[in-house]
Amino acid sequence: MSSTQPAAGPESSPQESAQTPRVPADHPGVDKLFALLAYGEVAAFYRLTDEARMAPNLTGRINMASMAAAEMGHYELLRDALQRRGVDVVTKMTEYAPTLDDYHSLTTPSTWLEALVKTYVGDALAADFYLEIADVLPDEVADVVRGVLAETGHSQFVVAEVRDAVAASDVHRSRLALWSRRLLGEAITQAQYVLAEHDELVDLVVSGTGGLGQITEFFDRLQNTHAARMAELGLA
């Protein structure tokens, strides 16, 4: 809607009303969302830096290092957004450190191929979560989240390498298929812990999914999209 267009009044069309964000910009869940994403970026930076050492060649190390650098750029975007809202990012995001650190400690890859699959799954689940709530976020909030996820998908370099590996080895296929299911299971478990401890985030998710009774369906949809991506990797 342009700045010169009149604001919607009582006679607004259903379509216009449907486009109105259902969550105000000052909703407390927004600070929680930004802080959760911020710590996720910091944790991912250290994970990718460590896992780059597992790469069998320079190309793999460069790909992981490039992703790690992007994570810190995303963190700075979130830090700045929280500062504009009068929130200290370090204080706020440490609420999520135990849960996200637990996820990474429980899903430490033992091989380069496991590291690749974890990178791909993490990128994908972040995008899925955003898509679930995107329609209820006001523009200024959605723009920050879009900026953070703008490079989600640069883990696509994973696809060709994993597909080649599993095509050449049934052992790799079986092990990585089990690994991908473990990653999803741990991600959903930790997400449930976060939601259980932060009612404001639950409110955001509920707004995006259509009601508290839809939370189970929300996680079901994550599993369905995960299955489709694993098929893309040749792990179905």
Protein backbone atom coordinates (compact mmCIF):
# COMPACT_ATOMS: atom_id res chain seq x y z
CA MET A 1 0.00 0.00 0.00
CA SER A 2 1.46 3.38 -0.96
CA SER A 3 1.83 6.22 1.53
CA THR A 4 -0.76 8.25 -0.37
CA GLN A 5 -3.43 5.58 -0.26
CA PRO A 6 -6.11 6.14 2.40
CA ALA A 7 -5.99 3.99 5.48
CA ALA A 8 -8.45 1.12 5.55
CA GLY A 9 -11.74 2.09 7.19
CA PRO A 10 -14.82 0.19 8.27
CA GLU A 11 -15.71 -0.55 4.68
CA SER A 12 -12.35 -2.14 3.82
CA SER A 13 -12.52 -5.20 1.63
CA PRO A 14 -11.90 -8.66 3.15
CA GLN A 15 -8.71 -8.89 1.11
CA GLU A 16 -7.31 -5.69 2.57
CA SER A 17 -8.21 -6.81 6.09
CA ALA A 18 -6.54 -10.17 5.54
CA GLN A 19 -3.32 -8.38 4.66
CA THR A 20 -3.23 -6.43 7.93
CA PRO A 21 -0.61 -7.86 10.33
CA ARG A 22 -2.23 -9.52 13.33
CA VAL A 23 0.79 -8.93 15.57
CA PRO A 24 1.78 -5.36 16.55
CA ALA A 25 5.42 -4.29 16.20
CA ASP A 26 5.70 -3.91 19.98
CA HIS A 27 4.50 -7.44 20.67
CA PRO A 28 6.88 -8.87 23.34
CA GLY A 29 7.32 -11.98 21.24
CA VAL A 30 9.21 -9.96 18.63
CA ASP A 31 12.07 -9.26 21.05
CA LYS A 32 12.08 -12.96 21.92
CA LEU A 33 12.14 -13.95 18.26
CA PHE A 34 15.01 -11.59 17.44
CA ALA A 35 16.99 -12.80 20.47
CA LEU A 36 16.41 -16.46 19.60
CA LEU A 37 17.56 -15.88 16.04
CA ALA A 38 20.56 -13.87 17.27
CA TYR A 39 21.88 -16.62 19.51
CA GLY A 40 21.20 -19.13 16.77
CA GLU A 41 23.47 -17.13 14.46
CA VAL A 42 26.27 -16.94 17.04
CA ALA A 43 26.04 -20.65 17.80
CA ALA A 44 26.01 -21.47 14.08
CA PHE A 45 29.11 -19.33 13.52
CA TYR A 46 31.15 -21.35 16.00
CA ARG A 47 29.73 -24.64 14.75
CA LEU A 48 30.55 -23.89 11.13
CA THR A 49 34.04 -22.68 12.03
CA ASP A 50 34.74 -25.94 13.86
CA GLU A 51 33.21 -28.14 11.20
CA ALA A 52 35.11 -26.42 8.39
CA ARG A 53 38.18 -28.25 9.72
CA MET A 54 36.53 -31.54 8.78
CA ALA A 55 36.40 -30.64 5.10
CA PRO A 56 38.48 -32.91 2.89
CA ASN A 57 39.53 -30.07 0.60
CA LEU A 58 39.93 -26.30 0.38
CA THR A 59 36.63 -25.84 -1.45
CA GLY A 60 34.71 -27.35 1.43
CA ARG A 61 36.55 -25.23 3.99
CA ILE A 62 35.86 -22.08 2.00
CA ASN A 63 32.16 -22.90 1.67
CA MET A 64 31.81 -23.44 5.42
CA ALA A 65 33.86 -20.34 6.23
CA SER A 66 31.69 -18.24 3.92
CA MET A 67 28.58 -19.45 5.68
CA ALA A 68 30.13 -18.71 9.08
CA ALA A 69 30.90 -15.15 8.00
CA ALA A 70 27.31 -14.71 6.83
CA GLU A 71 26.02 -15.88 10.22
CA MET A 72 27.86 -13.06 12.00
CA GLY A 73 26.48 -10.56 9.51
CA HIS A 74 22.99 -11.80 10.37
CA TYR A 75 23.75 -11.53 14.09
CA GLU A 76 24.73 -7.88 13.65
CA LEU A 77 21.47 -7.18 11.82
CA LEU A 78 19.51 -8.64 14.74
CA ARG A 79 21.67 -6.85 17.30
CA ASP A 80 20.97 -3.52 15.62
CA ALA A 81 17.25 -4.27 15.43
CA LEU A 82 17.12 -5.05 19.15
CA GLN A 83 19.11 -1.93 20.01
CA ARG A 84 16.55 0.16 18.14
CA ARG A 85 13.93 -1.46 20.35
CA GLY A 86 15.92 -0.60 23.49
CA VAL A 87 16.97 -4.18 24.16
CA ASP A 88 20.48 -5.42 24.97
CA VAL A 89 21.12 -8.35 22.66
CA VAL A 90 23.58 -10.20 24.90
CA THR A 91 21.30 -10.11 27.92
CA LYS A 92 18.26 -11.14 25.93
CA MET A 93 19.75 -13.91 23.82
CA THR A 94 21.45 -15.73 26.71
CA GLU A 95 17.98 -16.99 27.66
CA TYR A 96 18.29 -19.38 24.71
CA ALA A 97 21.90 -20.43 25.15
CA PRO A 98 21.26 -23.65 27.15
CA THR A 99 18.66 -24.99 24.73
CA LEU A 100 20.55 -24.22 21.53
CA ASP A 101 23.85 -25.37 23.00
CA ASP A 102 22.18 -28.63 24.00
CA TYR A 103 20.97 -29.11 20.43
CA HIS A 104 24.46 -28.65 19.02
CA SER A 105 26.10 -30.83 21.65
CA LEU A 106 23.60 -33.61 20.94
CA THR A 107 24.10 -33.35 17.18
CA THR A 108 27.87 -33.01 16.85
CA PRO A 109 28.77 -34.55 13.48
CA SER A 110 31.46 -37.20 13.36
CA THR A 111 32.13 -36.98 9.60
CA TRP A 112 32.23 -34.31 6.92
CA LEU A 113 29.09 -35.70 5.27
CA GLU A 114 27.22 -35.50 8.59
CA ALA A 115 28.38 -31.89 8.95
CA LEU A 116 27.03 -31.11 5.47
CA VAL A 117 23.63 -32.65 6.19
CA LYS A 118 23.39 -30.77 9.49
CA THR A 119 24.17 -27.48 7.75
CA TYR A 120 21.48 -28.12 5.15
CA VAL A 121 18.87 -29.17 7.70
CA GLY A 122 19.56 -26.14 9.91
CA ASP A 123 19.15 -23.71 7.02
CA ALA A 124 15.93 -25.40 5.94
CA LEU A 125 14.28 -25.49 9.35
CA ALA A 126 15.03 -21.80 9.92
CA ALA A 127 13.31 -20.96 6.64
CA ASP A 128 10.35 -23.21 7.47
CA PHE A 129 9.84 -21.53 10.83
CA TYR A 130 9.85 -18.08 9.25
CA LEU A 131 7.35 -19.10 6.59
CA GLU A 132 4.96 -20.30 9.30
CA ILE A 133 4.78 -16.89 10.99
CA ALA A 134 5.65 -14.49 8.17
CA ASP A 135 2.08 -13.43 7.41
CA VAL A 136 1.42 -12.20 10.95
CA LEU A 137 4.54 -10.05 11.31
CA PRO A 138 4.42 -6.28 10.66
CA ASP A 139 6.59 -5.10 7.78
CA GLU A 140 9.40 -3.65 9.90
CA VAL A 141 9.75 -6.92 11.78
CA ALA A 142 9.37 -9.14 8.73
CA ASP A 143 12.07 -7.12 6.92
CA VAL A 144 14.60 -7.92 9.65
CA VAL A 145 13.76 -11.62 9.58
CA ARG A 146 13.95 -11.66 5.78
CA GLY A 147 17.37 -10.05 6.00
CA VAL A 148 18.55 -12.70 8.43
CA LEU A 149 17.27 -15.51 6.21
CA ALA A 150 18.25 -13.84 2.95
CA GLU A 151 21.12 -16.26 2.44
CA THR A 152 19.26 -19.30 3.66
CA GLY A 153 19.76 -21.61 0.72
CA HIS A 154 23.47 -20.92 0.29
CA SER A 155 23.91 -24.38 1.81
CA GLN A 156 22.79 -25.66 -1.59
CA PHE A 157 26.42 -26.60 -2.24
CA VAL A 158 25.65 -29.50 0.11
CA VAL A 159 23.16 -31.11 -2.26
CA ALA A 160 25.51 -32.18 -5.04
CA GLU A 161 28.18 -33.48 -2.68
CA VAL A 162 25.78 -35.51 -0.55
CA ARG A 163 23.88 -36.87 -3.56
CA ASP A 164 27.14 -38.04 -5.14
CA ALA A 165 28.25 -39.69 -1.91
CA VAL A 166 25.01 -41.59 -1.28
CA ALA A 167 24.76 -42.63 -4.93
CA ALA A 168 28.17 -44.23 -4.61
CA SER A 169 27.60 -45.91 -1.23
CA ASP A 170 24.59 -47.59 0.33
CA VAL A 171 26.41 -47.36 3.66
CA HIS A 172 26.54 -43.57 3.38
CA ARG A 173 22.88 -43.48 2.39
CA SER A 174 21.73 -45.53 5.37
CA ARG A 175 23.86 -43.69 7.91
CA LEU A 176 22.96 -40.23 6.65
CA ALA A 177 19.26 -41.08 6.47
CA LEU A 178 19.35 -42.04 10.15
CA TRP A 179 21.39 -38.92 10.91
CA SER A 180 18.88 -36.65 9.17
CA ARG A 181 16.02 -38.12 11.20
CA ARG A 182 17.99 -37.61 14.40
CA LEU A 183 18.65 -33.97 13.48
CA LEU A 184 14.96 -33.31 12.91
CA GLY A 185 13.94 -35.09 16.10
CA GLU A 186 16.40 -33.12 18.23
CA ALA A 187 15.42 -29.84 16.55
CA ILE A 188 11.73 -30.41 17.27
CA THR A 189 12.46 -31.45 20.86
CA GLN A 190 14.50 -28.31 21.53
CA ALA A 191 11.90 -26.12 19.79
CA GLN A 192 9.25 -27.55 22.10
CA TYR A 193 11.43 -26.73 25.11
CA VAL A 194 11.82 -23.13 23.93
CA LEU A 195 8.09 -22.72 23.35
CA ALA A 196 7.29 -24.25 26.72
CA GLU A 197 9.45 -21.65 28.45
CA HIS A 198 8.48 -18.56 26.46
CA ASP A 199 4.78 -17.78 26.21
CA GLU A 200 5.41 -14.74 24.00
CA LEU A 201 6.96 -16.94 21.32
CA VAL A 202 4.06 -19.35 21.60
CA ASP A 203 1.74 -16.44 20.91
CA LEU A 204 3.63 -15.59 17.73
CA VAL A 205 3.57 -19.19 16.52
CA VAL A 206 -0.10 -19.54 17.41
CA SER A 207 -0.87 -16.38 15.45
CA GLY A 208 0.92 -17.83 12.44
CA THR A 209 -0.51 -21.32 12.64
CA GLY A 210 -4.11 -20.39 13.38
CA GLY A 211 -4.51 -21.39 17.02
CA LEU A 212 -3.02 -23.35 19.88
CA GLY A 213 -4.58 -26.55 18.57
CA GLN A 214 -2.54 -26.15 15.39
CA ILE A 215 0.87 -26.42 17.07
CA THR A 216 0.95 -30.18 16.45
CA GLU A 217 0.13 -29.61 12.79
CA PHE A 218 2.90 -27.00 12.69
CA PHE A 219 5.45 -29.63 13.71
CA ASP A 220 3.90 -32.12 11.30
CA ARG A 221 4.45 -29.66 8.46
CA LEU A 222 8.09 -29.29 9.47
CA GLN A 223 8.46 -33.06 9.22
CA ASN A 224 6.82 -33.14 5.80
CA THR A 225 9.05 -30.44 4.33
CA HIS A 226 12.06 -32.12 5.92
CA ALA A 227 11.15 -35.39 4.19
CA ALA A 228 10.96 -33.61 0.84
CA ARG A 229 14.40 -32.09 1.32
CA MET A 230 15.91 -35.39 2.35
CA ALA A 231 14.55 -36.84 -0.89
CA GLU A 232 16.40 -34.06 -2.70
CA LEU A 233 19.58 -35.23 -0.99
CA GLY A 234 18.91 -38.80 -2.05
CA LEU A 235 18.17 -39.90 1.52
CA ALA A 236 14.48 -40.76 1.22
